[in-house]
Amino acid sequence: MSIRSDYDLYPWKRGESKLMRIFIVFLYFVFFLAGCNSHQLSELGEVPRSGDKNVTKSPVPVEFLGESRQLQTLDITGESFNTVGEWYDNESILYVSDNGSGSSIYKYNIFNGEKELFLETKSQVLTMKANEDHSLFLLHTSNSNNQATLIAVNKQGTVIYEWDIESYDVSYSWNPYETDQVFVTSFLEDWSFQTQVLDLSNNTVTKHEVFQPFIQWIGPQTISYLKWDQNELGYFAPLHSYNLVKKTEALLFENIISFAGFHHLLVTYELDNERDSHGKISFYNTEMNKKLHEFSIPLLSDYSKWYIPSFNYVTIQKKFYSFRPYSTGSFDTYSEKFDLVAYDMVSGSEEVVLEKIDDLPLSFSPEGYYCLYGYQLENIIDLKNKKVMQLVTF
């Protein structure tokens, strides 16, 4: 994740005159200003309930998604396919095939079918994540239960940093504001852990005494985490922030079920006290310190916690995508499908993109026109045409 400048979401049709383009841009600008309804973080009670919002199921406008292009299925029959790892850019993906003790990473263009070797590793690739602007990729590789190697790779497939780390498992999160920084939590087999920041601008590793392993960035130097009581099982916990430079902690919210941090956006999940077994998703602009919108969702219970469906945020579209169940109850006995819903941070609207599909991992292209979908990200969602297609044949 990285700081992005504002962008042009509207690829206009070739036949329109310059005056017409200016007029349409003006109309969209007025529409967005009229739909924006921002609040201070403390003004929780002033946010309109999602029942008062217009939920649309109309197709995504062509202006938002550009022209439709023919996708080329990737046939890797005979390869030891591991997973689709990441988007390389808006047209190409990086996928992983295992070869003996190591892995081969290939770049594949989903429109023209061109494939080329991107990188080979000596250990098997377990996870891969791009930073915000997709200029760097961090690979977690391992061939041992107590040793891992983190490999930072640039756009040309060149290894710029390699870090051997004692660990049973590793969790990491790119800084969306400083694109060369990543927060790394390394776990030992007894689940004790260390927290460190890897800075790829100068290839340094700095330890930080953060006592919660799973964090999200909410500022250039600030992380956040749920402060769970280690001695009790609970459905919610207080959400705290921590400044890595000043080494100061602050309480943000009480009784949060789950949360996520993106570029200038904080997303929180909490119980809806007015509706049984329902939750509220709240969105905050962390740069302006304002609450943007709030929506109500059915919740599914999962043992000692609430089940949170898969979600992701497309920064350039300012849209938060999430699966939403049709009813409340237990996750173990839930037999219905989910809707894929887009929550617009500008207009405050919510739109059902796809109906009655499975809740599976999502990975959006940088511009959000397409979305990898599935446990191995082997499928792809065309958001313009609202279709799910098989991307990889293996």
Protein backbone atom coordinates (compact mmCIF):
# COMPACT_ATOMS: atom_id res chain seq x y z
CA MET A 1 0.00 0.00 0.00
CA SER A 2 1.29 3.49 -0.79
CA ILE A 3 0.26 7.10 -1.08
CA ARG A 4 -1.48 7.65 -4.39
CA SER A 5 -2.41 10.96 -5.95
CA ASP A 6 -5.97 11.51 -7.06
CA TYR A 7 -6.69 9.91 -10.36
CA ASP A 8 -8.90 9.85 -13.37
CA LEU A 9 -11.63 7.25 -12.90
CA TYR A 10 -13.42 8.15 -16.10
CA PRO A 11 -12.00 6.84 -19.42
CA TRP A 12 -14.31 8.83 -21.72
CA LYS A 13 -15.62 7.52 -25.04
CA ARG A 14 -13.71 8.65 -28.09
CA GLY A 15 -16.63 10.32 -29.84
CA GLU A 16 -17.39 12.90 -27.17
CA SER A 17 -16.37 16.52 -27.68
CA LYS A 18 -14.05 18.33 -25.30
CA LEU A 19 -16.91 20.55 -24.08
CA MET A 20 -19.11 17.55 -23.37
CA ARG A 21 -16.30 15.90 -21.39
CA ILE A 22 -15.88 19.00 -19.23
CA PHE A 23 -19.63 19.18 -18.66
CA ILE A 24 -19.86 15.51 -17.64
CA VAL A 25 -16.90 15.85 -15.31
CA PHE A 26 -18.64 18.82 -13.68
CA LEU A 27 -21.86 16.81 -13.23
CA TYR A 28 -20.00 13.93 -11.57
CA PHE A 29 -18.17 16.36 -9.30
CA VAL A 30 -21.45 17.95 -8.17
CA PHE A 31 -23.01 14.51 -7.66
CA PHE A 32 -20.15 13.31 -5.49
CA LEU A 33 -20.16 16.48 -3.38
CA ALA A 34 -23.89 16.12 -2.79
CA GLY A 35 -23.51 12.48 -1.75
CA CYS A 36 -20.64 13.03 0.65
CA ASN A 37 -21.65 12.94 4.32
CA SER A 38 -18.63 13.19 6.63
CA HIS A 39 -18.63 13.18 10.42
CA GLN A 40 -16.11 13.58 13.20
CA LEU A 41 -14.93 10.36 14.83
CA SER A 42 -16.82 11.21 18.02
CA GLU A 43 -20.13 11.75 16.27
CA LEU A 44 -21.15 8.09 16.19
CA GLY A 45 -24.84 8.74 16.77
CA GLU A 46 -25.24 11.14 13.85
CA VAL A 47 -24.50 8.66 11.10
CA PRO A 48 -27.57 7.58 9.08
CA ARG A 49 -28.41 3.88 9.26
CA SER A 50 -27.93 1.79 6.15
CA GLY A 51 -31.67 1.19 6.04
CA ASP A 52 -32.02 4.81 4.92
CA LYS A 53 -29.54 4.39 2.10
CA ASN A 54 -30.28 3.45 -1.48
CA VAL A 55 -29.04 -0.06 -2.20
CA THR A 56 -28.64 -0.44 -5.95
CA LYS A 57 -28.09 -3.46 -8.13
CA SER A 58 -27.50 -1.65 -11.39
CA PRO A 59 -24.47 -2.47 -13.52
CA VAL A 60 -21.24 -0.66 -12.75
CA PRO A 61 -21.05 2.31 -15.19
CA VAL A 62 -18.76 1.81 -18.17
CA GLU A 63 -17.06 5.11 -17.32
CA PHE A 64 -15.74 3.58 -14.13
CA LEU A 65 -14.35 0.42 -15.64
CA GLY A 66 -13.29 1.22 -19.17
CA GLU A 67 -13.70 -1.00 -22.18
CA SER A 68 -14.26 -4.74 -21.77
CA ARG A 69 -11.37 -6.94 -22.89
CA GLN A 70 -11.18 -10.63 -23.66
CA LEU A 71 -9.51 -12.65 -20.91
CA GLN A 72 -7.07 -15.43 -21.83
CA THR A 73 -7.26 -18.56 -19.65
CA LEU A 74 -3.93 -19.71 -18.25
CA ASP A 75 -3.44 -23.43 -18.90
CA ILE A 76 -0.68 -24.80 -16.66
CA THR A 77 -1.40 -28.49 -17.06
CA GLY A 78 1.74 -30.38 -16.12
CA GLU A 79 3.09 -27.65 -13.87
CA SER A 80 3.08 -28.03 -10.09
CA PHE A 81 0.76 -25.08 -9.58
CA ASN A 82 0.88 -23.51 -6.13
CA THR A 83 -1.18 -20.31 -6.29
CA VAL A 84 -1.69 -17.03 -8.07
CA GLY A 85 0.39 -14.79 -5.84
CA GLU A 86 -0.33 -11.19 -6.77
CA TRP A 87 -1.21 -8.66 -9.41
CA TYR A 88 1.91 -7.41 -11.19
CA ASP A 89 -0.04 -4.53 -12.72
CA ASN A 90 -3.51 -4.02 -14.19
CA GLU A 91 -2.89 -6.50 -17.00
CA SER A 92 -0.57 -9.13 -15.56
CA ILE A 93 -0.48 -11.49 -12.60
CA LEU A 94 2.34 -13.32 -10.83
CA TYR A 95 1.70 -17.01 -10.23
CA VAL A 96 3.76 -19.61 -8.37
CA SER A 97 4.70 -23.14 -9.42
CA ASP A 98 6.76 -25.36 -7.13
CA ASN A 99 9.84 -27.13 -8.49
CA GLY A 100 11.45 -29.52 -6.05
CA SER A 101 12.52 -27.61 -2.96
CA GLY A 102 12.01 -24.18 -4.54
CA SER A 103 9.48 -22.21 -6.58
CA SER A 104 9.26 -20.52 -9.95
CA ILE A 105 7.29 -17.29 -10.25
CA TYR A 106 5.91 -16.39 -13.66
CA LYS A 107 4.41 -13.18 -14.98
CA TYR A 108 1.33 -13.79 -17.10
CA ASN A 109 -0.64 -11.23 -19.13
CA ILE A 110 -4.34 -12.06 -18.73
CA PHE A 111 -5.28 -10.38 -22.03
CA ASN A 112 -2.65 -11.48 -24.57
CA GLY A 113 -1.57 -14.73 -22.87
CA GLU A 114 2.14 -13.86 -22.79
CA LYS A 115 4.12 -15.61 -20.04
CA GLU A 116 7.69 -15.11 -18.83
CA LEU A 117 9.79 -16.21 -15.87
CA PHE A 118 9.86 -13.52 -13.19
CA LEU A 119 11.93 -15.11 -10.40
CA GLU A 120 13.15 -18.45 -9.06
CA THR A 121 13.57 -19.13 -5.33
CA LYS A 122 15.58 -21.78 -3.50
CA SER A 123 12.77 -22.31 -0.96
CA GLN A 124 9.05 -22.71 -1.60
CA VAL A 125 6.99 -19.56 -1.69
CA LEU A 126 4.30 -19.55 1.01
CA THR A 127 2.86 -16.04 0.56
CA MET A 128 3.42 -13.01 -1.65
CA LYS A 129 2.18 -9.44 -1.15
CA ALA A 130 2.68 -6.29 -3.19
CA ASN A 131 3.08 -2.88 -1.62
CA GLU A 132 0.49 -0.19 -2.32
CA ASP A 133 1.78 0.93 -5.72
CA HIS A 134 2.91 -2.57 -6.74
CA SER A 135 6.52 -1.42 -7.15
CA LEU A 136 7.80 -4.00 -4.64
CA PHE A 137 6.80 -7.55 -3.73
CA LEU A 138 7.60 -9.35 -0.47
CA LEU A 139 7.83 -13.14 -0.54
CA HIS A 140 7.66 -15.40 2.50
CA THR A 141 9.58 -18.57 1.66
CA SER A 142 10.49 -21.57 3.80
CA ASN A 143 11.60 -25.19 3.68
CA SER A 144 11.81 -25.60 7.46
CA ASN A 145 9.44 -25.45 10.43
CA ASN A 146 11.65 -23.02 12.33
CA GLN A 147 13.29 -20.95 9.61
CA ALA A 148 11.92 -18.54 7.03
CA THR A 149 13.35 -16.22 4.42
CA LEU A 150 11.72 -12.94 3.45
CA ILE A 151 12.65 -11.82 -0.06
CA ALA A 152 11.97 -8.31 -1.35
CA VAL A 153 11.76 -8.08 -5.14
CA ASN A 154 11.39 -5.06 -7.39
CA LYS A 155 9.33 -4.70 -10.57
CA GLN A 156 12.14 -6.13 -12.69
CA GLY A 157 12.24 -9.35 -10.67
CA THR A 158 15.52 -8.39 -9.01
CA VAL A 159 16.03 -9.37 -5.36
CA ILE A 160 16.84 -6.17 -3.44
CA TYR A 161 16.84 -7.65 0.07
CA GLU A 162 16.87 -11.11 1.61
CA TRP A 163 16.31 -11.75 5.31
CA ASP A 164 16.68 -15.11 7.05
CA ILE A 165 14.56 -15.13 10.17
CA GLU A 166 13.98 -17.70 12.89
CA SER A 167 10.26 -18.38 12.87
CA TYR A 168 7.51 -20.97 12.82
CA ASP A 169 5.25 -18.56 10.96
CA VAL A 170 5.39 -14.97 9.73
CA SER A 171 2.80 -12.22 9.37
CA TYR A 172 3.58 -8.97 7.57
CA SER A 173 1.83 -5.76 6.54
CA TRP A 174 3.04 -3.13 4.07
CA ASN A 175 2.94 0.50 5.14
CA PRO A 176 0.42 2.17 2.76
CA TYR A 177 2.03 5.59 3.32
CA GLU A 178 5.74 4.71 3.12
CA THR A 179 5.90 2.15 0.32
CA ASP A 180 9.29 0.72 1.29
CA GLN A 181 8.36 -0.13 4.89
CA VAL A 182 6.75 -3.34 6.11
CA PHE A 183 5.78 -4.45 9.62
CA VAL A 184 6.86 -8.04 10.29
CA THR A 185 5.71 -10.34 13.10
CA SER A 186 7.68 -13.58 13.48
CA PHE A 187 6.24 -16.40 15.58
CA LEU A 188 8.10 -19.21 17.29
CA GLU A 189 6.59 -22.67 17.74
CA ASP A 190 5.25 -21.76 21.21
CA TRP A 191 3.53 -18.74 19.56
CA SER A 192 5.74 -16.20 21.28
CA PHE A 193 6.58 -13.48 18.78
CA GLN A 194 8.77 -10.53 17.85
CA THR A 195 7.63 -7.38 16.03
CA GLN A 196 9.93 -5.50 13.68
CA VAL A 197 9.83 -2.95 10.87
CA LEU A 198 11.79 -3.68 7.70
CA ASP A 199 12.79 -0.50 5.85
CA LEU A 200 13.81 -1.29 2.29
CA SER A 201 14.99 2.26 1.59
CA ASN A 202 18.10 1.55 3.67
CA ASN A 203 17.78 -2.23 4.26
CA THR A 204 17.42 -1.93 8.03
CA VAL A 205 15.38 -3.93 10.54
CA THR A 206 14.15 -2.16 13.69
CA LYS A 207 12.62 -4.02 16.61
CA HIS A 208 9.53 -2.57 18.27
CA GLU A 209 8.01 -3.68 21.56
CA VAL A 210 4.45 -4.06 20.31
CA PHE A 211 2.55 -6.54 22.43
CA GLN A 212 -0.06 -7.50 19.84
CA PRO A 213 1.06 -9.51 16.80
CA PHE A 214 -1.56 -8.51 14.22
CA ILE A 215 -1.47 -4.86 13.27
CA GLN A 216 -2.76 -2.50 10.61
CA TRP A 217 -1.19 0.79 9.53
CA ILE A 218 -3.37 3.88 10.07
CA GLY A 219 -0.70 6.54 9.50
CA PRO A 220 2.85 6.93 8.18
CA GLN A 221 4.26 6.15 11.64
CA THR A 222 1.19 4.77 13.40
CA ILE A 223 -0.15 1.25 13.67
CA SER A 224 -3.32 -0.06 15.31
CA TYR A 225 -4.34 -3.32 16.94
CA LEU A 226 -7.08 -4.96 18.95
CA LYS A 227 -5.95 -5.37 22.55
CA TRP A 228 -7.34 -8.80 23.34
CA ASP A 229 -7.34 -10.13 26.88
CA GLN A 230 -4.97 -13.09 26.61
CA ASN A 231 -6.62 -14.85 29.55
CA GLU A 232 -10.20 -14.72 28.24
CA LEU A 233 -12.09 -15.56 25.09
CA GLY A 234 -14.14 -12.60 23.94
CA TYR A 235 -16.24 -11.39 21.03
CA PHE A 236 -14.73 -7.89 21.02
CA ALA A 237 -11.79 -5.86 22.31
CA PRO A 238 -10.67 -2.22 22.51
CA LEU A 239 -8.92 -0.82 19.45
CA HIS A 240 -5.67 1.04 20.16
CA SER A 241 -3.20 3.01 18.09
CA TYR A 242 0.55 3.09 18.64
CA ASN A 243 3.04 5.64 17.32
CA LEU A 244 6.25 3.82 16.44
CA VAL A 245 8.40 6.95 16.76
CA LYS A 246 6.94 8.50 19.90
CA LYS A 247 6.24 5.05 21.39
CA THR A 248 2.87 6.21 22.68
CA GLU A 249 -0.41 4.26 22.78
CA ALA A 250 -3.93 5.68 22.55
CA LEU A 251 -7.41 4.19 22.82
CA LEU A 252 -9.47 4.63 19.66
CA PHE A 253 -12.65 2.61 20.26
CA GLU A 254 -14.12 0.19 22.76
CA ASN A 255 -15.80 -3.12 21.88
CA ILE A 256 -14.55 -3.66 18.34
CA ILE A 257 -15.09 -7.06 16.67
CA SER A 258 -12.61 -6.62 13.85
CA PHE A 259 -10.94 -3.85 11.87
CA ALA A 260 -8.77 -3.09 8.85
CA GLY A 261 -6.50 -0.24 7.80
CA PHE A 262 -5.98 1.06 4.29
CA HIS A 263 -4.61 4.25 2.77
CA HIS A 264 -6.38 7.05 4.70
CA LEU A 265 -9.19 4.65 5.62
CA LEU A 266 -9.94 2.83 8.87
CA VAL A 267 -12.69 0.19 8.83
CA THR A 268 -14.21 -1.09 12.08
CA TYR A 269 -16.74 -3.82 12.84
CA GLU A 270 -18.83 -3.63 16.01
CA LEU A 271 -22.13 -4.98 17.33
CA ASP A 272 -25.32 -3.19 16.38
CA ASN A 273 -27.09 -2.79 19.73
CA GLU A 274 -30.40 -2.03 18.01
CA ARG A 275 -30.54 -5.18 15.88
CA ASP A 276 -29.96 -8.65 17.28
CA SER A 277 -26.93 -10.48 15.80
CA HIS A 278 -26.19 -7.61 13.44
CA GLY A 279 -23.06 -5.59 13.16
CA LYS A 280 -22.07 -2.13 11.99
CA ILE A 281 -19.28 -1.47 9.52
CA SER A 282 -17.97 2.05 10.08
CA PHE A 283 -15.56 3.91 7.81
CA TYR A 284 -13.24 6.70 8.94
CA ASN A 285 -10.99 9.03 7.00
CA THR A 286 -7.81 8.90 9.09
CA GLU A 287 -6.28 11.93 7.38
CA MET A 288 -9.23 14.22 8.16
CA ASN A 289 -10.16 12.43 11.40
CA LYS A 290 -13.75 12.07 10.22
CA LYS A 291 -16.35 9.35 10.13
CA LEU A 292 -17.53 8.84 6.57
CA HIS A 293 -20.30 6.24 6.51
CA GLU A 294 -21.86 3.36 8.41
CA PHE A 295 -23.66 0.24 7.20
CA SER A 296 -25.49 -2.61 8.92
CA ILE A 297 -24.72 -6.27 8.19
CA PRO A 298 -25.93 -9.66 9.50
CA LEU A 299 -23.33 -11.41 11.65
CA LEU A 300 -22.42 -15.08 11.83
CA SER A 301 -20.98 -16.47 15.06
CA ASP A 302 -17.88 -18.66 14.92
CA TYR A 303 -17.16 -20.34 18.26
CA SER A 304 -15.81 -17.61 20.56
CA LYS A 305 -15.79 -14.84 17.93
CA TRP A 306 -17.79 -13.31 15.13
CA TYR A 307 -17.11 -14.45 11.58
CA ILE A 308 -15.93 -11.64 9.29
CA PRO A 309 -16.30 -12.40 5.55
CA SER A 310 -13.52 -11.63 3.07
CA PHE A 311 -13.05 -8.00 2.08
CA ASN A 312 -10.70 -5.64 0.26
CA TYR A 313 -10.40 -1.96 -0.61
CA VAL A 314 -9.66 -0.41 -4.00
CA THR A 315 -7.93 2.86 -3.22
CA ILE A 316 -8.24 4.36 -6.70
CA GLN A 317 -12.02 3.75 -6.75
CA LYS A 318 -12.49 4.61 -3.08
CA LYS A 319 -14.66 1.49 -2.78
CA PHE A 320 -14.67 -1.15 -0.05
CA TYR A 321 -15.73 -4.61 -1.26
CA SER A 322 -16.99 -7.28 1.13
CA PHE A 323 -19.08 -10.43 1.17
CA ARG A 324 -22.32 -10.12 3.12
CA PRO A 325 -24.40 -13.06 4.44
CA TYR A 326 -28.14 -13.18 3.90
CA SER A 327 -29.03 -13.98 7.50
CA THR A 328 -27.62 -14.30 11.00
CA GLY A 329 -26.78 -17.51 12.88
CA SER A 330 -23.88 -19.89 13.30
CA PHE A 331 -21.21 -20.01 10.62
CA ASP A 332 -20.99 -23.82 10.98
CA THR A 333 -24.65 -24.29 10.07
CA TYR A 334 -24.99 -21.41 7.59
CA SER A 335 -25.99 -22.95 4.26
CA GLU A 336 -26.74 -19.87 2.17
CA LYS A 337 -24.40 -18.04 -0.15
CA PHE A 338 -23.20 -14.43 0.08
CA ASP A 339 -23.57 -11.18 -1.82
CA LEU A 340 -20.47 -9.31 -2.92
CA VAL A 341 -21.19 -5.70 -1.98
CA ALA A 342 -19.34 -2.50 -2.89
CA TYR A 343 -19.46 0.37 -0.38
CA ASP A 344 -18.65 3.72 -1.99
CA MET A 345 -16.66 6.04 0.30
CA VAL A 346 -17.51 9.10 -1.80
CA SER A 347 -21.27 8.80 -2.32
CA GLY A 348 -22.07 6.66 0.73
CA SER A 349 -24.02 4.19 -1.42
CA GLU A 350 -23.84 0.40 -1.35
CA GLU A 351 -24.20 -1.76 -4.42
CA VAL A 352 -24.66 -5.51 -4.79
CA VAL A 353 -22.07 -6.51 -7.39
CA LEU A 354 -22.71 -10.28 -7.37
CA GLU A 355 -25.42 -12.37 -5.73
CA LYS A 356 -25.37 -15.85 -4.23
CA ILE A 357 -21.66 -16.68 -4.44
CA ASP A 358 -19.17 -18.23 -2.02
CA ASP A 359 -17.16 -16.19 0.45
CA LEU A 360 -13.59 -16.72 -0.82
CA PRO A 361 -10.40 -14.61 -0.77
CA LEU A 362 -10.33 -11.50 -2.98
CA SER A 363 -7.43 -9.68 -4.65
CA PHE A 364 -8.25 -6.66 -6.80
CA SER A 365 -6.15 -5.31 -9.63
CA PRO A 366 -4.64 -1.89 -8.81
CA GLU A 367 -7.40 -0.05 -10.66
CA GLY A 368 -10.08 -2.47 -9.49
CA TYR A 369 -11.40 -3.51 -12.89
CA TYR A 370 -10.81 -7.20 -12.19
CA CYS A 371 -10.53 -9.27 -9.03
CA LEU A 372 -8.73 -12.57 -8.42
CA TYR A 373 -11.02 -14.87 -6.47
CA GLY A 374 -10.63 -18.25 -4.76
CA TYR A 375 -8.42 -20.09 -2.28
CA GLN A 376 -5.62 -20.16 -4.86
CA LEU A 377 -6.91 -17.00 -6.59
CA GLU A 378 -7.51 -19.24 -9.59
CA ASN A 379 -10.69 -17.47 -10.71
CA ILE A 380 -11.30 -13.90 -11.80
CA ILE A 381 -14.24 -11.54 -11.41
CA ASP A 382 -14.98 -9.13 -14.27
CA LEU A 383 -16.59 -6.27 -12.33
CA LYS A 384 -17.90 -4.50 -15.41
CA ASN A 385 -19.83 -7.50 -16.68
CA LYS A 386 -20.38 -8.99 -13.20
CA LYS A 387 -19.10 -12.40 -14.21
CA VAL A 388 -16.95 -14.98 -12.44
CA MET A 389 -14.64 -16.92 -14.77
CA GLN A 390 -11.97 -19.56 -14.36
CA LEU A 391 -8.59 -17.95 -14.95
CA VAL A 392 -6.29 -20.91 -14.32
CA THR A 393 -6.71 -24.43 -15.69
CA PHE A 394 -4.56 -27.03 -13.94
